Amino acid sequence: MVAVTPVGRAGRSFARLVNAVTGPRGRWVTIAVWVVLAAAGVILHGRLGDVTTAGQSSFLPAHSQSTRVVSLLKSKFHGGENIPLFVLFDRPGGLTPSDRVAIGRIGTRLQRLGLDGATPVFDPLTTTGKDLLPRGLGLVSPDGQAAIIALGINAARRDAVTDSVARIHQLLRAATPAGLGAYITGPAGLAADLERIAAKAGTTLLVVTVALVLILLLAIYRAPIMAVLPLVVVGAAYFVVSGIVYFLADGQLIKIDTEGTLLLLVLVFGAGTDYSLLLVHRYREALGAGTPTLEALRQGTQASAPAIAASGSTVIAAMLVLMVANLESTRWLGPVLAIGIAVMLIASFTLMPALLSAFGARVFWPRRLPRSAEQHVVWTRVAGLVGRRAGTLTTVIVIGLGLLACGNLVSHGTIGGGAGPDRRDELQRRHQGARPPFPRGSVGATDRARAQTPHRGRGRPLE
């Protein structure tokens, strides 16, 4: 590997930075600073859920009719982004009189439960349980087999839905008579299930990502220390980003949702691993050429910097383009993910070289270093093939990608909320093949608002 000579003021400044973070004292100072920042990030990461947005106005465009209706309900009717929650009771063979009395009492207890953001129960059952309204749109189904208790939860309040569903579950377990089925359904029940699944998905995603990256690094380097160091750098960067995002979201400068936190994790891990591979490859190449360890590290860092900086800058620019999107949830992904890549770049140029300097060439134990770059026989042949057949390979790859992209021309349909190849729950199995106790759509509410026009005096529907 040819020694890298810094060019220009930026190159010389970067060379001084590399010399500082890899020096005998500078490396320990750099590591200590990142440890402190990462520790603070771990604390703030646990509070990130407190500033995560909720409610439809947090992801829909500000000018959409649904968002305007929500604003109208808040300003004129003192309402919120209420979504309906239904507690469905059923017994095969029909509800008994004692069931109806128990359901009425549960409705009364729900009103006294003091749920966060909850509206009063709509038309609760009386103790006699004879509220049979026409067309099955009331509380008791026409066939007398099922009954519904309905209330609204303000989805704009963080954790109001999940906390309310959890407390209602506790009440149902304690107050539902034996043999009477009790289920939480409706948009609020679905939202609580999705929130629970998303929390599990975040943990699963973290474990799978770390395991996959670790396996790949072990396969590439065949050195345990070298496989773990990139994960340490990526983890530190991720927690620092979490802290920065928390402060910005808490100051209402940006918005962050559950989807953004999951994508941030994947992007930082992917980019950080890529940057580490580029830097370490140049480092090993310099060591293989016989360069002293510290000098080889500095040369490798400077040699890989242009490629890493170009890659990171391209991703940051691409992420910032998302800010022109109309959908709020997509628009705010831009700055969040851009901050993640920017912090990952800084970690790659500071923390990674500092850790490599602290360990020295021992990071490659127990594998022996190649004496020269020419010993990479396989990749030398691959590079030669690409050089000789560049046009042919380009044509084949473009045609192959085009054929694979043709799948987008076929409609695959959509999967709505609650649909998909998931296992059926007990309630679905019980009513499979039977006529539903309530008409379809009777548990789905639609808000419709009319704006008064000042000149004609007639209402114009917003939604």
Protein backbone atom coordinates (compact mmCIF):
# COMPACT_ATOMS: atom_id res chain seq x y z
CA MET A 1 0.00 0.00 0.00
CA VAL A 2 1.34 3.41 -0.99
CA ALA A 3 1.63 5.94 1.82
CA VAL A 4 -1.14 8.53 1.82
CA THR A 5 -0.07 12.16 1.59
CA PRO A 6 -2.70 14.63 2.85
CA VAL A 7 -3.78 17.05 0.13
CA GLY A 8 -5.25 20.47 0.82
CA ARG A 9 -6.28 22.09 4.07
CA ALA A 10 -9.07 19.55 4.70
CA GLY A 11 -6.68 16.63 4.16
CA ARG A 12 -4.10 18.06 6.53
CA SER A 13 -6.76 18.79 9.15
CA PHE A 14 -8.07 15.24 8.90
CA ALA A 15 -4.53 13.86 9.20
CA ARG A 16 -4.06 15.85 12.41
CA LEU A 17 -7.37 14.50 13.73
CA VAL A 18 -6.30 10.92 12.98
CA ASN A 19 -2.93 11.48 14.64
CA ALA A 20 -4.67 12.91 17.70
CA VAL A 21 -7.22 10.12 18.21
CA THR A 22 -4.62 7.38 17.66
CA GLY A 23 -1.87 8.89 19.81
CA PRO A 24 -0.79 7.41 23.17
CA ARG A 25 -3.02 9.81 25.14
CA GLY A 26 -5.51 10.87 22.53
CA ARG A 27 -6.88 7.38 22.01
CA TRP A 28 -7.82 7.01 25.67
CA VAL A 29 -9.37 10.49 25.78
CA THR A 30 -11.39 9.66 22.66
CA ILE A 31 -12.59 6.37 24.11
CA ALA A 32 -13.51 8.04 27.41
CA VAL A 33 -15.52 10.78 25.67
CA TRP A 34 -17.47 8.22 23.66
CA VAL A 35 -18.11 6.11 26.77
CA VAL A 36 -19.61 9.12 28.56
CA LEU A 37 -21.73 10.10 25.56
CA ALA A 38 -22.91 6.53 25.02
CA ALA A 39 -23.81 6.14 28.71
CA ALA A 40 -25.92 9.30 28.54
CA GLY A 41 -27.47 7.99 25.33
CA VAL A 42 -28.44 4.72 27.02
CA ILE A 43 -30.34 6.66 29.67
CA LEU A 44 -32.10 8.87 27.12
CA HIS A 45 -32.83 5.91 24.87
CA GLY A 46 -35.00 4.49 27.64
CA ARG A 47 -37.01 7.72 27.60
CA LEU A 48 -37.35 7.90 23.82
CA GLY A 49 -40.84 6.45 24.05
CA ASP A 50 -41.94 9.53 26.02
CA VAL A 51 -41.41 11.76 22.97
CA THR A 52 -42.53 9.29 20.30
CA THR A 53 -45.49 10.72 18.44
CA ALA A 54 -48.93 9.11 18.43
CA GLY A 55 -52.25 9.79 16.75
CA GLN A 56 -53.16 10.19 13.09
CA SER A 57 -52.14 13.86 12.92
CA SER A 58 -48.55 12.80 13.64
CA PHE A 59 -48.20 10.92 10.35
CA LEU A 60 -50.87 12.31 8.00
CA PRO A 61 -50.20 15.45 5.91
CA ALA A 62 -51.07 18.66 7.71
CA HIS A 63 -53.41 19.72 4.88
CA SER A 64 -55.27 16.40 4.62
CA GLN A 65 -58.99 16.36 5.36
CA SER A 66 -58.56 13.86 8.21
CA THR A 67 -56.06 16.13 9.96
CA ARG A 68 -58.32 19.14 9.46
CA VAL A 69 -61.25 17.24 10.99
CA VAL A 70 -59.11 16.35 14.02
CA SER A 71 -58.13 20.01 14.45
CA LEU A 72 -61.77 21.03 14.17
CA LEU A 73 -62.86 18.49 16.78
CA LYS A 74 -60.16 19.73 19.16
CA SER A 75 -60.92 23.43 18.75
CA LYS A 76 -64.71 23.40 18.47
CA PHE A 77 -65.83 20.29 20.33
CA HIS A 78 -63.00 19.90 22.89
CA GLY A 79 -62.41 16.43 21.57
CA GLY A 80 -59.28 14.54 20.67
CA GLU A 81 -58.12 11.91 18.26
CA ASN A 82 -60.50 9.37 19.74
CA ILE A 83 -60.53 5.87 18.35
CA PRO A 84 -63.27 3.43 19.37
CA LEU A 85 -62.62 0.53 21.70
CA PHE A 86 -65.17 -2.27 21.91
CA VAL A 87 -65.49 -4.96 24.53
CA LEU A 88 -67.34 -7.87 22.93
CA PHE A 89 -69.09 -10.47 25.07
CA ASP A 90 -70.50 -13.71 23.72
CA ARG A 91 -71.72 -17.09 24.89
CA PRO A 92 -72.49 -20.01 22.54
CA GLY A 93 -76.21 -20.59 22.78
CA GLY A 94 -77.00 -17.00 23.79
CA LEU A 95 -76.47 -14.63 26.69
CA THR A 96 -78.24 -15.51 29.91
CA PRO A 97 -80.01 -12.91 32.07
CA SER A 98 -77.18 -13.12 34.60
CA ASP A 99 -74.68 -12.49 31.77
CA ARG A 100 -76.49 -9.29 30.84
CA VAL A 101 -76.50 -8.10 34.42
CA ALA A 102 -72.76 -8.81 34.69
CA ILE A 103 -72.09 -6.99 31.41
CA GLY A 104 -74.03 -3.96 32.64
CA ARG A 105 -71.97 -3.92 35.84
CA ILE A 106 -68.75 -4.14 33.84
CA GLY A 107 -69.91 -1.12 31.81
CA THR A 108 -70.50 0.82 35.01
CA ARG A 109 -67.07 -0.15 36.36
CA LEU A 110 -65.46 0.93 33.07
CA GLN A 111 -66.93 4.40 33.57
CA ARG A 112 -65.38 4.53 37.05
CA LEU A 113 -62.02 3.13 35.96
CA GLY A 114 -60.59 6.57 35.16
CA LEU A 115 -58.85 5.52 31.97
CA ASP A 116 -56.40 8.07 30.60
CA GLY A 117 -57.99 9.91 27.70
CA ALA A 118 -61.14 7.80 27.68
CA THR A 119 -64.59 9.11 26.85
CA PRO A 120 -67.58 7.84 28.86
CA VAL A 121 -69.02 4.47 27.89
CA PHE A 122 -71.59 4.87 25.13
CA ASP A 123 -75.10 3.79 26.25
CA PRO A 124 -74.08 1.26 28.90
CA LEU A 125 -76.28 -1.75 29.50
CA THR A 126 -78.83 -1.40 32.26
CA THR A 127 -79.05 -3.93 35.02
CA THR A 128 -82.06 -5.50 33.27
CA GLY A 129 -80.07 -5.91 30.07
CA LYS A 130 -82.98 -5.33 27.65
CA ASP A 131 -81.42 -2.65 25.40
CA LEU A 132 -82.19 -4.30 22.05
CA LEU A 133 -81.84 -1.53 19.45
CA PRO A 134 -82.92 -1.97 15.79
CA ARG A 135 -80.75 -3.60 13.16
CA GLY A 136 -78.24 -4.84 15.72
CA LEU A 137 -76.50 -1.46 16.00
CA GLY A 138 -77.07 -1.28 19.71
CA LEU A 139 -75.38 -3.04 22.55
CA VAL A 140 -76.98 -6.48 22.25
CA SER A 141 -77.01 -8.41 18.99
CA PRO A 142 -80.40 -9.32 17.43
CA ASP A 143 -79.89 -13.01 18.12
CA GLY A 144 -79.05 -12.32 21.76
CA GLN A 145 -75.75 -14.17 21.48
CA ALA A 146 -73.36 -11.21 21.86
CA ALA A 147 -73.16 -7.75 23.37
CA ILE A 148 -70.83 -4.79 22.97
CA ILE A 149 -69.63 -2.10 25.34
CA ALA A 150 -68.07 0.84 23.49
CA LEU A 151 -65.87 3.73 24.55
CA GLY A 152 -63.35 6.06 22.93
CA ILE A 153 -59.64 6.40 23.69
CA ASN A 154 -57.66 9.51 22.78
CA ALA A 155 -54.90 8.05 20.59
CA ALA A 156 -52.96 11.33 20.64
CA ARG A 157 -52.03 10.70 24.28
CA ARG A 158 -48.90 8.60 24.38
CA ASP A 159 -49.52 5.10 25.81
CA ALA A 160 -53.18 5.93 26.55
CA VAL A 161 -54.39 3.13 24.30
CA THR A 162 -52.00 0.43 25.51
CA ASP A 163 -52.44 1.35 29.17
CA SER A 164 -56.23 1.45 28.85
CA VAL A 165 -56.35 -1.93 27.12
CA ALA A 166 -54.14 -3.45 29.82
CA ARG A 167 -56.39 -2.14 32.62
CA ILE A 168 -59.53 -3.31 30.84
CA HIS A 169 -57.98 -6.77 30.49
CA GLN A 170 -57.44 -6.84 34.25
CA LEU A 171 -61.05 -5.82 34.88
CA LEU A 172 -62.40 -8.46 32.48
CA ARG A 173 -60.36 -11.22 34.09
CA ALA A 174 -61.77 -10.31 37.49
CA ALA A 175 -65.40 -9.52 36.60
CA THR A 176 -66.37 -11.78 33.67
CA PRO A 177 -68.53 -14.78 34.69
CA ALA A 178 -67.33 -18.28 33.87
CA GLY A 179 -68.25 -19.43 30.36
CA LEU A 180 -68.83 -15.90 29.06
CA GLY A 181 -66.30 -14.86 26.43
CA ALA A 182 -64.91 -11.32 26.70
CA TYR A 183 -62.71 -9.78 24.02
CA ILE A 184 -61.25 -6.34 23.35
CA THR A 185 -61.59 -5.33 19.71
CA GLY A 186 -62.08 -2.33 17.46
CA PRO A 187 -59.40 0.12 16.30
CA ALA A 188 -58.10 0.66 19.82
CA GLY A 189 -57.70 -3.05 20.43
CA LEU A 190 -55.91 -3.42 17.12
CA ALA A 191 -53.65 -0.45 17.92
CA ALA A 192 -52.70 -1.98 21.27
CA ASP A 193 -51.84 -5.30 19.60
CA LEU A 194 -49.75 -3.54 16.96
CA GLU A 195 -47.91 -1.58 19.65
CA ARG A 196 -47.15 -4.79 21.52
CA ILE A 197 -45.96 -6.49 18.35
CA ALA A 198 -43.80 -3.47 17.45
CA ALA A 199 -42.12 -3.58 20.87
CA LYS A 200 -41.31 -7.25 20.40
CA ALA A 201 -40.18 -6.56 16.84
CA GLY A 202 -37.72 -3.95 18.09
CA THR A 203 -36.11 -6.41 20.48
CA THR A 204 -36.10 -9.18 17.89
CA LEU A 205 -34.65 -6.84 15.27
CA LEU A 206 -31.82 -5.80 17.59
CA VAL A 207 -30.91 -9.38 18.52
CA VAL A 208 -31.08 -10.64 14.93
CA THR A 209 -29.12 -7.67 13.58
CA VAL A 210 -26.33 -8.02 16.13
CA ALA A 211 -26.14 -11.79 15.64
CA LEU A 212 -26.08 -11.53 11.84
CA VAL A 213 -23.43 -8.80 11.79
CA LEU A 214 -21.32 -10.71 14.32
CA ILE A 215 -21.49 -13.90 12.23
CA LEU A 216 -20.52 -12.01 9.09
CA LEU A 217 -17.60 -10.27 10.78
CA LEU A 218 -16.36 -13.56 12.24
CA ALA A 219 -16.56 -15.15 8.80
CA ILE A 220 -14.67 -12.24 7.23
CA TYR A 221 -11.94 -11.63 9.81
CA ARG A 222 -11.84 -14.96 11.68
CA ALA A 223 -10.69 -12.94 14.69
CA PRO A 224 -13.03 -12.54 17.68
CA ILE A 225 -11.74 -9.16 18.83
CA MET A 226 -11.92 -7.70 15.34
CA ALA A 227 -15.47 -9.01 14.97
CA VAL A 228 -16.64 -7.37 18.20
CA LEU A 229 -15.02 -3.92 17.81
CA PRO A 230 -17.29 -2.73 14.97
CA LEU A 231 -20.32 -3.71 17.04
CA VAL A 232 -18.99 -1.67 19.96
CA VAL A 233 -18.53 1.36 17.70
CA VAL A 234 -21.96 0.95 16.12
CA GLY A 235 -23.63 0.48 19.50
CA ALA A 236 -22.00 3.60 20.92
CA ALA A 237 -23.03 5.63 17.86
CA TYR A 238 -26.61 4.35 18.02
CA PHE A 239 -27.07 5.34 21.65
CA VAL A 240 -25.52 8.76 21.03
CA VAL A 241 -27.95 9.27 18.14
CA SER A 242 -30.83 8.21 20.40
CA GLY A 243 -29.83 10.88 22.89
CA ILE A 244 -29.63 13.57 20.22
CA VAL A 245 -33.00 12.56 18.75
CA TYR A 246 -34.55 12.61 22.23
CA PHE A 247 -33.42 16.19 22.88
CA LEU A 248 -34.60 17.37 19.45
CA ALA A 249 -37.96 15.64 19.77
CA ASP A 250 -38.43 16.86 23.33
CA GLY A 251 -37.79 20.40 22.09
CA GLN A 252 -40.38 19.80 19.33
CA LEU A 253 -37.77 20.43 16.63
CA ILE A 254 -38.37 17.04 15.00
CA LYS A 255 -40.86 14.19 15.29
CA ILE A 256 -40.00 10.53 15.85
CA ASP A 257 -42.25 7.49 15.73
CA THR A 258 -41.79 3.76 16.30
CA GLU A 259 -41.05 3.15 12.64
CA GLY A 260 -38.28 5.75 12.73
CA THR A 261 -36.55 4.14 15.71
CA LEU A 262 -36.56 0.73 14.02
CA LEU A 263 -35.21 2.09 10.73
CA LEU A 264 -32.57 4.08 12.61
CA LEU A 265 -31.29 0.90 14.25
CA VAL A 266 -31.02 -0.96 10.94
CA LEU A 267 -29.42 1.93 9.07
CA VAL A 268 -26.78 2.69 11.71
CA PHE A 269 -25.81 -0.97 12.04
CA GLY A 270 -25.61 -1.45 8.28
CA ALA A 271 -23.65 1.72 7.57
CA GLY A 272 -21.35 1.32 10.58
CA THR A 273 -20.42 -2.22 9.61
CA ASP A 274 -19.70 -1.11 6.05
CA TYR A 275 -17.47 1.76 7.19
CA SER A 276 -15.57 -0.53 9.55
CA LEU A 277 -14.92 -3.03 6.74
CA LEU A 278 -13.48 -0.31 4.52
CA LEU A 279 -11.21 1.09 7.21
CA VAL A 280 -9.97 -2.25 8.53
CA HIS A 281 -9.25 -3.53 5.03
CA ARG A 282 -6.92 -0.59 4.37
CA TYR A 283 -5.36 -1.06 7.80
CA ARG A 284 -4.62 -4.74 7.14
CA GLU A 285 -3.31 -3.90 3.71
CA ALA A 286 -0.79 -1.47 5.19
CA LEU A 287 0.23 -4.00 7.85
CA GLY A 288 0.72 -6.64 5.19
CA ALA A 289 3.08 -4.29 3.35
CA GLY A 290 5.31 -4.19 6.42
CA THR A 291 4.31 -0.75 7.73
CA PRO A 292 4.61 -0.30 11.53
CA THR A 293 1.32 -0.80 13.37
CA LEU A 294 0.50 2.80 14.34
CA GLU A 295 1.59 4.22 11.00
CA ALA A 296 -0.38 1.51 9.19
CA LEU A 297 -3.50 2.47 11.14
CA ARG A 298 -3.11 6.13 10.28
CA GLN A 299 -2.48 5.34 6.63
CA GLY A 300 -5.46 2.99 6.50
CA THR A 301 -7.77 5.55 8.10
CA GLN A 302 -6.72 8.31 5.72
CA ALA A 303 -6.87 6.02 2.68
CA SER A 304 -10.41 4.85 3.48
CA ALA A 305 -11.71 8.29 4.47
CA PRO A 306 -12.69 9.48 0.94
CA ALA A 307 -14.78 6.38 0.24
CA ILE A 308 -16.42 6.42 3.68
CA ALA A 309 -17.12 10.16 3.54
CA ALA A 310 -18.55 9.89 0.03
CA SER A 311 -20.79 6.99 1.01
CA GLY A 312 -22.03 8.71 4.15
CA SER A 313 -22.62 12.05 2.41
CA THR A 314 -24.64 10.34 -0.32
CA VAL A 315 -26.87 8.60 2.24
CA ILE A 316 -27.32 11.82 4.25
CA ALA A 317 -28.35 13.71 1.11
CA ALA A 318 -30.77 10.93 0.17
CA MET A 319 -32.31 10.93 3.63
CA LEU A 320 -32.78 14.71 3.64
CA VAL A 321 -34.72 14.43 0.36
CA LEU A 322 -37.44 12.73 2.41
CA MET A 323 -38.21 16.10 3.98
CA VAL A 324 -40.12 17.11 0.83
CA ALA A 325 -42.61 14.27 1.36
CA ASN A 326 -46.20 15.17 2.24
CA LEU A 327 -46.70 12.30 4.67
CA GLU A 328 -45.54 13.48 8.08
CA SER A 329 -44.22 10.07 9.15
CA THR A 330 -42.05 9.89 6.00
CA ARG A 331 -40.93 13.51 6.10
CA TRP A 332 -39.52 13.31 9.61
CA LEU A 333 -37.61 10.13 8.82
CA GLY A 334 -35.22 12.31 6.83
CA PRO A 335 -33.51 14.30 9.60
CA VAL A 336 -33.59 11.41 12.05
CA LEU A 337 -31.80 9.00 9.70
CA ALA A 338 -29.43 11.74 8.46
CA ILE A 339 -28.37 12.43 12.05
CA GLY A 340 -27.75 8.71 12.50
CA ILE A 341 -25.41 8.52 9.51
CA ALA A 342 -23.60 11.73 10.50
CA VAL A 343 -22.87 10.42 14.01
CA MET A 344 -21.82 7.06 12.55
CA LEU A 345 -19.31 8.86 10.30
CA ILE A 346 -17.83 10.69 13.27
CA ALA A 347 -17.56 7.44 15.22
CA SER A 348 -15.85 5.73 12.27
CA PHE A 349 -13.19 8.45 12.08
CA THR A 350 -12.61 8.78 15.84
CA LEU A 351 -13.77 5.89 18.02
CA MET A 352 -12.86 3.09 15.61
CA PRO A 353 -9.25 4.28 15.04
CA ALA A 354 -8.86 4.90 18.78
CA LEU A 355 -9.94 1.34 19.64
CA LEU A 356 -7.71 -0.13 16.93
CA SER A 357 -4.79 1.93 18.24
CA ALA A 358 -5.41 0.69 21.80
CA PHE A 359 -5.41 -2.98 20.74
CA GLY A 360 -2.72 -2.75 18.07
CA ALA A 361 -2.22 -5.69 15.70
CA ARG A 362 -3.60 -8.01 18.40
CA VAL A 363 -7.10 -7.36 17.05
CA PHE A 364 -6.36 -9.85 14.26
CA TRP A 365 -5.44 -12.71 16.63
CA PRO A 366 -5.26 -15.64 16.02
CA ARG A 367 -5.14 -15.13 12.26
CA ARG A 368 -1.79 -14.35 10.66
CA LEU A 369 -1.56 -11.19 8.59
CA PRO A 370 -0.78 -11.55 4.88
CA ARG A 371 2.74 -10.52 3.96
CA SER A 372 1.50 -8.55 0.95
CA ALA A 373 -1.68 -7.61 -0.83
CA GLU A 374 -0.74 -9.84 -3.77
CA GLN A 375 -1.59 -12.94 -1.71
CA HIS A 376 -5.31 -12.25 -2.14
CA VAL A 377 -5.49 -14.77 -4.99
CA VAL A 378 -9.26 -15.14 -5.22
CA TRP A 379 -10.08 -11.46 -5.27
CA THR A 380 -7.22 -10.76 -7.66
CA ARG A 381 -8.83 -13.18 -10.11
CA VAL A 382 -12.25 -11.62 -9.57
CA ALA A 383 -10.83 -8.15 -10.22
CA GLY A 384 -9.14 -9.42 -13.39
CA LEU A 385 -12.39 -10.94 -14.64
CA VAL A 386 -14.26 -7.69 -14.05
CA GLY A 387 -11.57 -5.75 -15.91
CA ARG A 388 -11.63 -8.09 -18.92
CA ARG A 389 -15.41 -8.58 -19.16
CA ALA A 390 -16.73 -5.27 -17.85
CA GLY A 391 -19.22 -4.72 -20.67
CA THR A 392 -20.57 -8.28 -20.62
CA LEU A 393 -20.98 -8.31 -16.84
CA THR A 394 -22.71 -4.93 -16.87
CA THR A 395 -25.20 -6.11 -19.49
CA VAL A 396 -25.96 -9.36 -17.67
CA ILE A 397 -26.42 -7.61 -14.32
CA VAL A 398 -28.71 -4.90 -15.74
CA ILE A 399 -30.86 -7.50 -17.53
CA GLY A 400 -31.05 -9.61 -14.38
CA LEU A 401 -32.09 -6.65 -12.23
CA GLY A 402 -34.66 -5.65 -14.84
CA LEU A 403 -36.20 -9.12 -14.82
CA LEU A 404 -36.38 -9.14 -11.04
CA ALA A 405 -37.98 -5.67 -11.06
CA CYS A 406 -40.78 -6.94 -13.32
CA GLY A 407 -42.45 -8.34 -10.23
CA ASN A 408 -43.53 -4.78 -9.42
CA LEU A 409 -45.78 -4.81 -12.51
CA VAL A 410 -48.02 -7.46 -10.91
CA SER A 411 -50.60 -6.43 -8.34
CA HIS A 412 -50.11 -8.32 -5.09
CA GLY A 413 -53.08 -6.74 -3.34
CA THR A 414 -52.93 -5.14 0.08
CA ILE A 415 -53.17 -6.36 3.62
CA GLY A 416 -55.35 -4.25 5.86
CA GLY A 417 -55.20 -3.93 9.62
CA GLY A 418 -55.76 -7.26 11.27
CA ALA A 419 -55.57 -9.15 7.97
CA GLY A 420 -52.87 -11.46 6.76
CA PRO A 421 -51.66 -15.01 7.26
CA ASP A 422 -51.67 -14.83 11.06
CA ARG A 423 -53.07 -17.47 13.40
CA ARG A 424 -56.77 -17.11 14.16
CA ASP A 425 -57.62 -16.22 17.72
CA GLU A 426 -60.25 -17.95 19.85
CA LEU A 427 -63.05 -15.58 18.87
CA GLN A 428 -62.38 -16.01 15.13
CA ARG A 429 -62.36 -19.79 15.47
CA ARG A 430 -65.60 -19.76 17.46
CA HIS A 431 -67.50 -17.80 14.82
CA GLN A 432 -65.84 -19.35 11.78
CA GLY A 433 -68.50 -20.28 9.24
CA ALA A 434 -71.31 -18.68 11.26
CA ARG A 435 -73.18 -15.44 10.67
CA PRO A 436 -71.53 -12.66 12.69
CA PRO A 437 -73.66 -11.45 15.63
CA PHE A 438 -73.34 -7.81 14.50
CA PRO A 439 -73.56 -6.42 10.93
CA ARG A 440 -70.27 -5.71 9.22
CA GLY A 441 -69.07 -2.17 9.83
CA SER A 442 -71.13 -1.65 12.97
CA VAL A 443 -67.95 -1.35 15.05
CA GLY A 444 -66.21 1.07 12.67
CA ALA A 445 -66.85 4.75 13.30
CA THR A 446 -66.29 7.54 10.77
CA ASP A 447 -66.12 11.19 11.78
CA ARG A 448 -67.67 13.59 9.29
CA ALA A 449 -67.46 17.35 9.69
CA ARG A 450 -69.10 20.14 7.71
CA ALA A 451 -67.51 23.57 7.42
CA GLN A 452 -69.96 26.48 7.30
CA THR A 453 -69.48 28.73 4.27
CA PRO A 454 -70.00 32.41 5.24
CA HIS A 455 -71.89 33.45 2.10
CA ARG A 456 -74.17 30.58 1.17
CA GLY A 457 -74.90 29.31 4.66
CA ARG A 458 -74.62 25.68 3.61
CA GLY A 459 -72.30 23.07 5.06
CA ARG A 460 -69.41 21.77 2.97
CA PRO A 461 -68.18 18.28 3.96
CA LEU A 462 -64.56 18.06 4.99
CA GLU A 463 -64.53 14.28 5.30
